[in-house]
């Protein structure tokens, strides 16, 4: 109970700022992956190196997609709670 008494809730403004920052960050990451994809094959002669780089970038892109999905699910829960509060 002592820990809970010191717990301070985030404001809706703080949550909105985090949402906005997260969206910018995810977009920046997606752009960076796209740029890396372009740069990864420049001047590379070896098919094995190209295949390896493509696999690594595919893995990173998939990871980003999973993070974005998790974020979207959490945001949907928040939006649902806000809607439910307004109904009450």
N, C-alpha and C. Protein backbone atom coordinates (compact mmCIF):
# COMPACT_ATOMS: atom_id res chain seq x y z
N UNK A 1 0.82 -1.20 0.00
CA UNK A 1 0.00 0.00 0.00
C UNK A 1 0.86 1.26 0.00
N UNK A 2 2.04 1.17 0.62
CA UNK A 2 2.94 2.32 0.64
C UNK A 2 3.39 2.68 -0.78
N UNK A 3 3.70 1.66 -1.56
CA UNK A 3 4.11 1.89 -2.95
C UNK A 3 2.97 2.50 -3.73
N UNK A 4 1.77 2.01 -3.54
CA UNK A 4 0.61 2.53 -4.27
C UNK A 4 0.33 3.98 -3.91
N UNK A 5 0.59 4.37 -2.67
CA UNK A 5 0.31 5.74 -2.27
C UNK A 5 1.28 6.72 -2.95
N UNK A 6 2.47 6.24 -3.31
CA UNK A 6 3.44 7.09 -3.99
C UNK A 6 3.26 7.06 -5.50
N UNK A 7 2.42 6.18 -5.98
CA UNK A 7 2.21 6.02 -7.42
C UNK A 7 1.43 7.22 -7.95
N UNK A 8 1.95 7.83 -8.97
CA UNK A 8 1.29 8.97 -9.59
C UNK A 8 0.86 8.55 -10.98
N UNK A 9 -0.39 8.78 -11.29
CA UNK A 9 -0.92 8.40 -12.61
C UNK A 9 -0.48 9.40 -13.65
N UNK A 10 -0.33 8.89 -14.86
CA UNK A 10 -0.01 9.76 -15.98
C UNK A 10 -1.27 10.50 -16.40
N UNK A 11 -1.08 11.68 -16.89
CA UNK A 11 -2.22 12.44 -17.40
C UNK A 11 -2.51 12.00 -18.82
N UNK A 12 -3.70 12.34 -19.30
CA UNK A 12 -4.05 12.03 -20.69
C UNK A 12 -3.12 12.76 -21.66
N UNK A 13 -2.70 13.94 -21.30
CA UNK A 13 -1.78 14.70 -22.15
C UNK A 13 -0.45 13.98 -22.26
N UNK A 14 0.05 13.44 -21.15
CA UNK A 14 1.30 12.68 -21.18
C UNK A 14 1.15 11.41 -22.03
N UNK A 15 0.02 10.75 -21.89
CA UNK A 15 -0.23 9.55 -22.70
C UNK A 15 -0.31 9.90 -24.19
N UNK A 16 -0.98 11.00 -24.50
CA UNK A 16 -1.07 11.44 -25.90
C UNK A 16 0.31 11.75 -26.46
N UNK A 17 1.15 12.37 -25.65
CA UNK A 17 2.51 12.70 -26.10
C UNK A 17 3.32 11.42 -26.34
N UNK A 18 3.17 10.44 -25.47
CA UNK A 18 3.85 9.17 -25.65
C UNK A 18 3.36 8.48 -26.92
N UNK A 19 2.06 8.51 -27.15
CA UNK A 19 1.50 7.93 -28.38
C UNK A 19 2.08 8.61 -29.62
N UNK A 20 2.12 9.92 -29.59
CA UNK A 20 2.64 10.67 -30.73
C UNK A 20 4.13 10.35 -30.94
N UNK A 21 4.90 10.34 -29.87
CA UNK A 21 6.33 10.02 -29.97
C UNK A 21 6.56 8.60 -30.47
N UNK A 22 5.74 7.67 -29.99
CA UNK A 22 5.88 6.28 -30.42
C UNK A 22 5.59 6.14 -31.90
N UNK A 23 4.57 6.82 -32.39
CA UNK A 23 4.25 6.75 -33.81
C UNK A 23 5.37 7.33 -34.67
N UNK A 24 5.93 8.44 -34.23
CA UNK A 24 7.05 9.05 -34.96
C UNK A 24 8.25 8.10 -34.95
N UNK A 25 8.52 7.51 -33.80
CA UNK A 25 9.64 6.58 -33.68
C UNK A 25 9.47 5.36 -34.57
N UNK A 26 8.27 4.79 -34.60
CA UNK A 26 8.02 3.62 -35.44
C UNK A 26 8.14 3.97 -36.92
N UNK A 27 7.65 5.13 -37.30
CA UNK A 27 7.78 5.58 -38.69
C UNK A 27 9.25 5.80 -39.05
N UNK A 28 10.01 6.39 -38.13
CA UNK A 28 11.44 6.61 -38.35
C UNK A 28 12.18 5.28 -38.50
N UNK A 29 11.83 4.32 -37.68
CA UNK A 29 12.45 2.99 -37.78
C UNK A 29 12.13 2.33 -39.12
N UNK A 30 10.89 2.41 -39.54
CA UNK A 30 10.50 1.82 -40.82
C UNK A 30 11.25 2.49 -41.97
N UNK A 31 11.39 3.81 -41.91
CA UNK A 31 12.14 4.53 -42.94
C UNK A 31 13.61 4.12 -42.93
N UNK A 32 14.18 3.96 -41.75
CA UNK A 32 15.58 3.57 -41.63
C UNK A 32 15.80 2.16 -42.20
N UNK A 33 14.88 1.26 -41.93
CA UNK A 33 14.99 -0.10 -42.47
C UNK A 33 14.92 -0.05 -43.99
N UNK A 34 14.02 0.75 -44.52
CA UNK A 34 13.90 0.89 -45.97
C UNK A 34 15.21 1.43 -46.57
N UNK A 35 15.77 2.44 -45.93
CA UNK A 35 17.03 3.01 -46.41
C UNK A 35 18.17 1.99 -46.32
N UNK A 36 18.21 1.24 -45.24
CA UNK A 36 19.23 0.19 -45.10
C UNK A 36 19.09 -0.86 -46.19
N UNK A 37 17.86 -1.18 -46.53
CA UNK A 37 17.61 -2.16 -47.60
C UNK A 37 18.21 -1.68 -48.92
N UNK A 38 18.05 -0.40 -49.19
CA UNK A 38 18.61 0.18 -50.41
C UNK A 38 20.14 0.14 -50.38
N UNK A 39 20.70 0.55 -49.24
CA UNK A 39 22.15 0.62 -49.11
C UNK A 39 22.81 -0.76 -49.01
N UNK A 40 22.09 -1.74 -48.50
CA UNK A 40 22.67 -3.05 -48.23
C UNK A 40 23.17 -3.76 -49.48
N UNK A 41 22.59 -3.45 -50.61
CA UNK A 41 22.95 -4.17 -51.83
C UNK A 41 23.86 -3.38 -52.76
N UNK A 42 24.17 -2.17 -52.38
CA UNK A 42 25.05 -1.35 -53.22
C UNK A 42 26.48 -1.88 -53.14
N UNK A 43 27.05 -2.16 -54.28
CA UNK A 43 28.45 -2.56 -54.35
C UNK A 43 28.77 -3.95 -53.83
N UNK A 44 27.77 -4.72 -53.46
CA UNK A 44 28.01 -6.07 -52.95
C UNK A 44 27.95 -7.05 -54.12
N UNK A 45 29.00 -7.81 -54.26
CA UNK A 45 29.07 -8.77 -55.36
C UNK A 45 28.58 -10.16 -54.95
N UNK A 46 28.82 -10.52 -53.73
CA UNK A 46 28.52 -11.87 -53.26
C UNK A 46 27.02 -12.08 -53.04
N UNK A 47 26.51 -13.13 -53.64
CA UNK A 47 25.10 -13.48 -53.44
C UNK A 47 24.84 -13.88 -52.00
N UNK A 48 25.81 -14.51 -51.37
CA UNK A 48 25.66 -14.94 -49.98
C UNK A 48 25.54 -13.72 -49.05
N UNK A 49 26.33 -12.70 -49.29
CA UNK A 49 26.26 -11.49 -48.47
C UNK A 49 24.91 -10.81 -48.68
N UNK A 50 24.46 -10.72 -49.92
CA UNK A 50 23.16 -10.12 -50.21
C UNK A 50 22.04 -10.88 -49.50
N UNK A 51 22.10 -12.20 -49.58
CA UNK A 51 21.07 -13.03 -48.95
C UNK A 51 21.09 -12.85 -47.44
N UNK A 52 22.28 -12.79 -46.86
CA UNK A 52 22.40 -12.62 -45.41
C UNK A 52 21.82 -11.26 -44.98
N UNK A 53 22.20 -10.20 -45.69
CA UNK A 53 21.70 -8.87 -45.35
C UNK A 53 20.19 -8.79 -45.51
N UNK A 54 19.68 -9.40 -46.55
CA UNK A 54 18.23 -9.41 -46.76
C UNK A 54 17.53 -10.13 -45.61
N UNK A 55 18.10 -11.26 -45.18
CA UNK A 55 17.50 -12.03 -44.08
C UNK A 55 17.52 -11.22 -42.78
N UNK A 56 18.63 -10.54 -42.52
CA UNK A 56 18.74 -9.73 -41.30
C UNK A 56 17.72 -8.59 -41.33
N UNK A 57 17.62 -7.92 -42.47
CA UNK A 57 16.66 -6.81 -42.58
C UNK A 57 15.22 -7.31 -42.51
N UNK A 58 14.95 -8.48 -43.07
CA UNK A 58 13.61 -9.07 -42.95
C UNK A 58 13.28 -9.34 -41.48
N UNK A 59 14.27 -9.86 -40.75
CA UNK A 59 14.07 -10.15 -39.32
C UNK A 59 13.78 -8.85 -38.55
N UNK A 60 14.58 -7.82 -38.81
CA UNK A 60 14.39 -6.53 -38.12
C UNK A 60 13.03 -5.94 -38.47
N UNK A 61 12.65 -6.01 -39.74
CA UNK A 61 11.36 -5.47 -40.16
C UNK A 61 10.21 -6.24 -39.52
N UNK A 62 10.34 -7.54 -39.44
CA UNK A 62 9.30 -8.35 -38.79
C UNK A 62 9.19 -8.00 -37.31
N UNK A 63 10.32 -7.79 -36.66
CA UNK A 63 10.31 -7.42 -35.25
C UNK A 63 9.60 -6.08 -35.07
N UNK A 64 9.91 -5.12 -35.92
CA UNK A 64 9.25 -3.82 -35.85
C UNK A 64 7.74 -3.97 -36.04
N UNK A 65 7.33 -4.81 -36.98
CA UNK A 65 5.90 -5.03 -37.21
C UNK A 65 5.23 -5.61 -35.97
N UNK A 66 5.91 -6.53 -35.29
CA UNK A 66 5.34 -7.12 -34.07
C UNK A 66 5.24 -6.08 -32.96
N UNK A 67 6.25 -5.23 -32.85
CA UNK A 67 6.21 -4.16 -31.85
C UNK A 67 5.06 -3.20 -32.15
N UNK A 68 4.90 -2.84 -33.42
CA UNK A 68 3.81 -1.94 -33.83
C UNK A 68 2.46 -2.56 -33.53
N UNK A 69 2.33 -3.86 -33.76
CA UNK A 69 1.07 -4.55 -33.49
C UNK A 69 0.76 -4.52 -31.99
N UNK A 70 1.76 -4.79 -31.18
CA UNK A 70 1.57 -4.77 -29.74
C UNK A 70 1.18 -3.37 -29.28
N UNK A 71 1.86 -2.37 -29.80
CA UNK A 71 1.54 -0.98 -29.47
C UNK A 71 0.10 -0.66 -29.86
N UNK A 72 -0.31 -1.07 -31.05
CA UNK A 72 -1.67 -0.80 -31.52
C UNK A 72 -2.71 -1.47 -30.63
N UNK A 73 -2.42 -2.68 -30.20
CA UNK A 73 -3.35 -3.39 -29.31
C UNK A 73 -3.47 -2.66 -27.98
N UNK A 74 -2.35 -2.20 -27.44
CA UNK A 74 -2.37 -1.48 -26.16
C UNK A 74 -3.09 -0.14 -26.30
N UNK A 75 -2.86 0.52 -27.42
CA UNK A 75 -3.54 1.80 -27.66
C UNK A 75 -5.04 1.59 -27.81
N UNK A 76 -5.43 0.51 -28.47
CA UNK A 76 -6.86 0.21 -28.63
C UNK A 76 -7.52 0.00 -27.27
N UNK A 77 -6.82 -0.64 -26.37
CA UNK A 77 -7.35 -0.84 -25.02
C UNK A 77 -7.55 0.51 -24.33
N UNK A 78 -6.57 1.40 -24.49
CA UNK A 78 -6.68 2.73 -23.88
C UNK A 78 -7.87 3.49 -24.46
N UNK A 79 -8.03 3.46 -25.78
CA UNK A 79 -9.13 4.16 -26.43
C UNK A 79 -10.47 3.59 -25.96
N UNK A 80 -10.53 2.27 -25.85
CA UNK A 80 -11.76 1.63 -25.37
C UNK A 80 -12.10 2.09 -23.96
N UNK A 81 -11.10 2.18 -23.11
CA UNK A 81 -11.34 2.64 -21.74
C UNK A 81 -11.85 4.08 -21.71
N UNK A 82 -11.27 4.92 -22.56
CA UNK A 82 -11.72 6.32 -22.63
C UNK A 82 -13.18 6.38 -23.08
N UNK A 83 -13.52 5.59 -24.08
CA UNK A 83 -14.91 5.56 -24.59
C UNK A 83 -15.85 5.05 -23.49
N UNK A 84 -15.43 4.01 -22.80
CA UNK A 84 -16.26 3.46 -21.72
C UNK A 84 -16.46 4.49 -20.61
N UNK A 85 -15.42 5.26 -20.29
CA UNK A 85 -15.55 6.29 -19.26
C UNK A 85 -16.53 7.38 -19.68
N UNK A 86 -16.49 7.74 -20.95
CA UNK A 86 -17.41 8.77 -21.45
C UNK A 86 -18.85 8.29 -21.42
N UNK A 87 -19.05 7.02 -21.66
CA UNK A 87 -20.40 6.45 -21.61
C UNK A 87 -20.98 6.49 -20.21
N UNK A 88 -20.11 6.30 -19.23
CA UNK A 88 -20.56 6.33 -17.84
C UNK A 88 -20.85 7.75 -17.43
